[in-house]
Amino acid sequence: MTDTLFPPRPAPVVPVTGAAGFPVGRIFCVGRNYAAHAAEMGHEVDREAPFYFTKSAHAVLLSGQDMPYPPRTNDLHHEMELVVAIRAEARDIAIADALDIVVGYACGLDMTRRDLQAQAKDKRRPWDTGKDFDHAAIIAPITPAADVADLASLPITLAVNGEIRQSALLSDMVWSVPEIIADLSTLYTLMPGDLIMTGTPAGVGAVVRGDLMEGRIGDLAPVTARVV
């Protein structure tokens, strides 16, 4: 049956440098993947296995666009992250083969309604309303993997109104990109169009209307957005 009550919602498309666009299917996010960030949030890192939460594909906001301040929060936080774009189907992939299914990398912002997240944690409820909302995944253009050398050595920074708030190296991640991909592929069949947001360094904090966020990772296209 092909008839629908209304037109299907189109998939968000993220630009890819020098190539066709990347239609987003799912967004997986890694929690507490930098020890210093876990500590600032009052947690210890569990090296036994990474854990994940998700955002809807329709949470995507392309870099350079304004981010409307979301409803029902008074504590909107920035979380700067490396984003991994998946190009092929994979299930139970080996760590040694994990990078073979990566089309490229991007700068991203995992925006968080921190007060709603904290309330959910206190009541042992899911984080969905704190993490998955309109414009909560701000994504810069994707740089093809072939154009990215020595990924782990790259610096990752986030500035608000020109002031650096987050600064680290990707090598500070508890779980590397290949380890994340391999582990995630034991829980889901990864598919073309999946994005993985790989966690944020220490220094997360609130932004208010008028603030300009600019995140950088090495020579990847920066992610920028103004809160309005």
Protein backbone atom coordinates (compact mmCIF):
# COMPACT_ATOMS: atom_id res chain seq x y z
CA MET A 1 0.00 0.00 0.00
CA THR A 2 1.49 3.33 -1.05
CA ASP A 3 -1.30 5.77 -0.19
CA THR A 4 -0.78 7.78 2.99
CA LEU A 5 -3.05 10.12 4.91
CA PHE A 6 -0.50 12.90 4.47
CA PRO A 7 2.92 13.19 2.79
CA PRO A 8 5.68 11.35 4.69
CA ARG A 9 7.99 13.67 6.54
CA PRO A 10 11.20 14.08 4.52
CA ALA A 11 14.48 13.00 6.09
CA PRO A 12 16.80 15.83 7.13
CA VAL A 13 19.80 16.05 4.79
CA VAL A 14 23.24 17.09 6.04
CA PRO A 15 25.67 18.46 3.42
CA VAL A 16 28.81 16.43 2.67
CA THR A 17 31.86 18.33 1.45
CA GLY A 18 32.43 17.52 -2.21
CA ALA A 19 29.64 14.95 -2.39
CA ALA A 20 25.87 14.48 -2.38
CA GLY A 21 23.95 15.11 0.83
CA PHE A 22 23.59 12.64 3.71
CA PRO A 23 19.95 11.79 4.57
CA VAL A 24 19.67 11.20 8.31
CA GLY A 25 17.88 8.09 9.53
CA ARG A 26 18.71 7.74 13.24
CA ILE A 27 20.90 9.53 15.77
CA PHE A 28 22.68 7.53 18.46
CA CYS A 29 24.42 9.39 21.28
CA VAL A 30 27.14 8.09 23.62
CA GLY A 31 26.85 9.07 27.27
CA ARG A 32 29.78 9.99 29.56
CA ASN A 33 32.51 9.31 27.02
CA TYR A 34 34.98 11.80 28.51
CA ALA A 35 36.07 11.11 32.09
CA ALA A 36 36.32 14.80 33.02
CA HIS A 37 32.77 15.47 31.83
CA ALA A 38 31.45 12.44 33.71
CA ALA A 39 33.14 13.79 36.84
CA GLU A 40 31.67 17.29 36.44
CA MET A 41 28.21 15.69 36.20
CA GLY A 42 28.85 13.68 39.37
CA HIS A 43 29.46 10.28 37.79
CA GLU A 44 32.29 7.80 37.44
CA VAL A 45 33.07 6.29 34.05
CA ASP A 46 32.10 2.66 33.65
CA ARG A 47 34.74 1.15 31.33
CA GLU A 48 32.83 -2.13 31.11
CA ALA A 49 30.64 -0.89 28.26
CA PRO A 50 29.46 2.41 26.75
CA PHE A 51 25.82 3.41 27.07
CA TYR A 52 23.57 5.22 24.63
CA PHE A 53 20.52 7.39 24.22
CA THR A 54 18.88 8.54 21.00
CA LYS A 55 17.59 11.66 19.29
CA SER A 56 15.04 11.76 16.50
CA ALA A 57 16.40 12.50 13.04
CA HIS A 58 13.99 15.43 13.03
CA ALA A 59 15.93 17.03 15.89
CA VAL A 60 18.57 17.98 13.28
CA LEU A 61 19.33 21.67 12.84
CA LEU A 62 21.91 22.49 10.19
CA SER A 63 24.92 24.55 11.23
CA GLY A 64 24.55 28.25 10.53
CA GLN A 65 20.86 28.36 11.36
CA ASP A 66 19.37 30.01 14.44
CA MET A 67 18.25 27.76 17.28
CA PRO A 68 14.96 28.81 18.86
CA TYR A 69 15.16 28.56 22.65
CA PRO A 70 13.15 25.41 23.46
CA PRO A 71 10.00 25.42 25.60
CA ARG A 72 9.66 24.28 29.23
CA THR A 73 13.30 24.79 30.19
CA ASN A 74 15.30 27.46 31.97
CA ASP A 75 18.63 25.65 31.64
CA LEU A 76 19.61 24.94 28.02
CA HIS A 77 23.13 23.49 27.79
CA HIS A 78 25.64 23.07 24.96
CA GLU A 79 27.54 19.79 24.52
CA MET A 80 30.17 19.82 21.75
CA GLU A 81 30.72 16.46 20.04
CA LEU A 82 32.36 14.58 17.18
CA VAL A 83 29.67 13.15 14.89
CA VAL A 84 30.28 9.96 12.90
CA ALA A 85 28.25 9.37 9.72
CA ILE A 86 27.55 5.74 8.73
CA ARG A 87 27.42 4.72 5.06
CA ALA A 88 26.80 0.95 5.11
CA GLU A 89 24.79 -1.72 6.90
CA ALA A 90 26.65 -3.50 9.69
CA ARG A 91 25.85 -5.97 12.43
CA ASP A 92 28.40 -7.34 14.93
CA ILE A 93 31.22 -5.60 13.09
CA ALA A 94 34.77 -6.09 14.38
CA ILE A 95 36.64 -3.14 15.86
CA ALA A 96 39.32 -3.57 13.17
CA ASP A 97 36.68 -3.18 10.43
CA ALA A 98 34.53 -0.49 12.03
CA LEU A 99 35.95 2.51 10.20
CA ASP A 100 35.17 0.85 6.85
CA ILE A 101 31.50 1.82 7.24
CA VAL A 102 32.18 5.49 8.04
CA VAL A 103 31.45 8.00 5.27
CA GLY A 104 32.82 10.94 7.25
CA TYR A 105 32.91 13.10 10.37
CA ALA A 106 31.27 16.32 11.48
CA CYS A 107 31.15 18.79 14.34
CA GLY A 108 27.91 18.64 16.29
CA LEU A 109 26.11 20.08 19.29
CA ASP A 110 24.04 17.83 21.54
CA MET A 111 21.73 20.47 23.03
CA THR A 112 20.24 19.51 26.37
CA ARG A 113 17.37 20.75 28.53
CA ARG A 114 19.45 20.14 31.63
CA ASP A 115 16.72 20.86 34.14
CA LEU A 116 14.38 18.35 32.51
CA GLN A 117 17.17 15.79 32.29
CA ALA A 118 17.96 16.28 35.99
CA GLN A 119 14.32 15.88 36.96
CA ALA A 120 14.13 12.65 34.95
CA LYS A 121 17.29 11.31 36.60
CA ASP A 122 15.96 12.11 40.06
CA LYS A 123 12.80 10.13 39.35
CA ARG A 124 14.67 7.33 37.53
CA ARG A 125 12.80 8.12 34.33
CA PRO A 126 14.03 8.23 30.70
CA TRP A 127 15.93 11.34 29.53
CA ASP A 128 13.90 11.81 26.35
CA THR A 129 12.43 15.23 27.10
CA GLY A 130 15.85 16.51 28.18
CA LYS A 131 17.68 15.27 25.09
CA ASP A 132 15.31 14.68 22.19
CA PHE A 133 13.49 17.84 21.15
CA ASP A 134 13.24 20.21 18.18
CA HIS A 135 16.64 21.54 17.01
CA ALA A 136 18.50 19.51 19.68
CA ALA A 137 21.09 18.06 17.26
CA ILE A 138 22.99 20.83 15.48
CA ILE A 139 25.15 19.31 12.74
CA ALA A 140 27.86 20.88 10.56
CA PRO A 141 28.69 19.69 7.03
CA ILE A 142 30.29 16.26 6.95
CA THR A 143 33.95 15.93 5.94
CA PRO A 144 34.69 12.67 4.06
CA ALA A 145 36.69 10.19 6.13
CA ALA A 146 39.40 10.06 3.46
CA ASP A 147 40.13 13.73 4.13
CA VAL A 148 40.58 13.27 7.90
CA ALA A 149 44.01 12.16 9.09
CA ASP A 150 44.88 11.02 12.63
CA LEU A 151 41.39 11.57 13.98
CA ALA A 152 42.23 10.82 17.63
CA SER A 153 44.81 13.60 17.84
CA LEU A 154 42.41 16.37 16.81
CA PRO A 155 41.43 19.10 19.29
CA ILE A 156 37.76 19.66 20.07
CA THR A 157 36.60 23.07 21.31
CA LEU A 158 33.40 25.02 21.90
CA ALA A 159 33.24 28.79 22.24
CA VAL A 160 30.25 30.88 23.30
CA ASN A 161 30.40 34.53 22.20
CA GLY A 162 34.10 34.00 21.46
CA GLU A 163 34.96 32.60 24.92
CA ILE A 164 36.26 29.02 25.01
CA ARG A 165 34.17 26.82 27.29
CA GLN A 166 35.08 23.30 26.21
CA SER A 167 38.53 22.14 25.13
CA ALA A 168 39.98 18.63 24.85
CA LEU A 169 41.47 16.12 22.43
CA LEU A 170 39.49 13.35 20.78
CA SER A 171 42.06 10.99 22.27
CA ASP A 172 40.52 11.83 25.66
CA MET A 173 37.45 9.79 24.75
CA VAL A 174 36.94 6.77 26.99
CA TRP A 175 35.65 4.78 24.03
CA SER A 176 37.27 5.33 20.62
CA VAL A 177 35.25 5.68 17.43
CA PRO A 178 35.95 2.08 16.27
CA GLU A 179 35.03 0.72 19.71
CA ILE A 180 31.77 2.68 19.75
CA ILE A 181 30.78 1.50 16.27
CA ALA A 182 31.60 -2.12 17.06
CA ASP A 183 29.71 -2.08 20.36
CA LEU A 184 26.68 -0.26 18.95
CA SER A 185 26.49 -2.80 16.14
CA THR A 186 25.88 -5.53 18.72
CA LEU A 187 22.72 -3.72 19.83
CA TYR A 188 21.39 -2.49 16.47
CA THR A 189 21.90 -3.21 12.82
CA LEU A 190 23.62 0.00 11.78
CA MET A 191 22.27 1.43 8.54
CA PRO A 192 23.27 4.05 5.95
CA GLY A 193 22.05 7.39 7.28
CA ASP A 194 22.80 6.70 10.93
CA LEU A 195 24.69 9.36 12.88
CA ILE A 196 26.63 8.71 16.08
CA MET A 197 27.30 11.60 18.45
CA THR A 198 30.32 10.41 20.41
CA GLY A 199 30.09 12.32 23.70
CA THR A 200 31.19 15.67 25.06
CA PRO A 201 34.24 16.94 26.97
CA ALA A 202 34.08 18.80 30.27
CA GLY A 203 32.93 22.40 30.33
CA VAL A 204 29.27 22.05 29.39
CA GLY A 205 27.14 25.00 30.43
CA ALA A 206 24.07 27.10 29.85
CA VAL A 207 23.33 29.35 26.90
CA VAL A 208 20.67 32.05 26.64
CA ARG A 209 18.98 33.94 23.85
CA GLY A 210 21.50 35.93 21.84
CA ASP A 211 24.44 33.60 22.54
CA LEU A 212 26.52 32.50 19.54
CA MET A 213 27.98 28.98 19.75
CA GLU A 214 30.94 27.91 17.60
CA GLY A 215 32.41 24.44 17.83
CA ARG A 216 35.53 23.16 16.09
CA ILE A 217 37.33 19.85 15.65
CA GLY A 218 40.62 20.15 13.78
CA ASP A 219 39.98 21.20 10.20
CA LEU A 220 36.41 19.88 10.04
CA ALA A 221 33.75 22.41 9.07
CA PRO A 222 32.81 24.23 12.28
CA VAL A 223 29.34 24.03 13.79
CA THR A 224 27.74 27.40 14.54
CA ALA A 225 24.33 28.45 15.82
CA ARG A 226 22.85 31.44 17.60
CA VAL A 227 20.20 30.90 20.26
CA VAL A 228 17.18 33.11 19.58
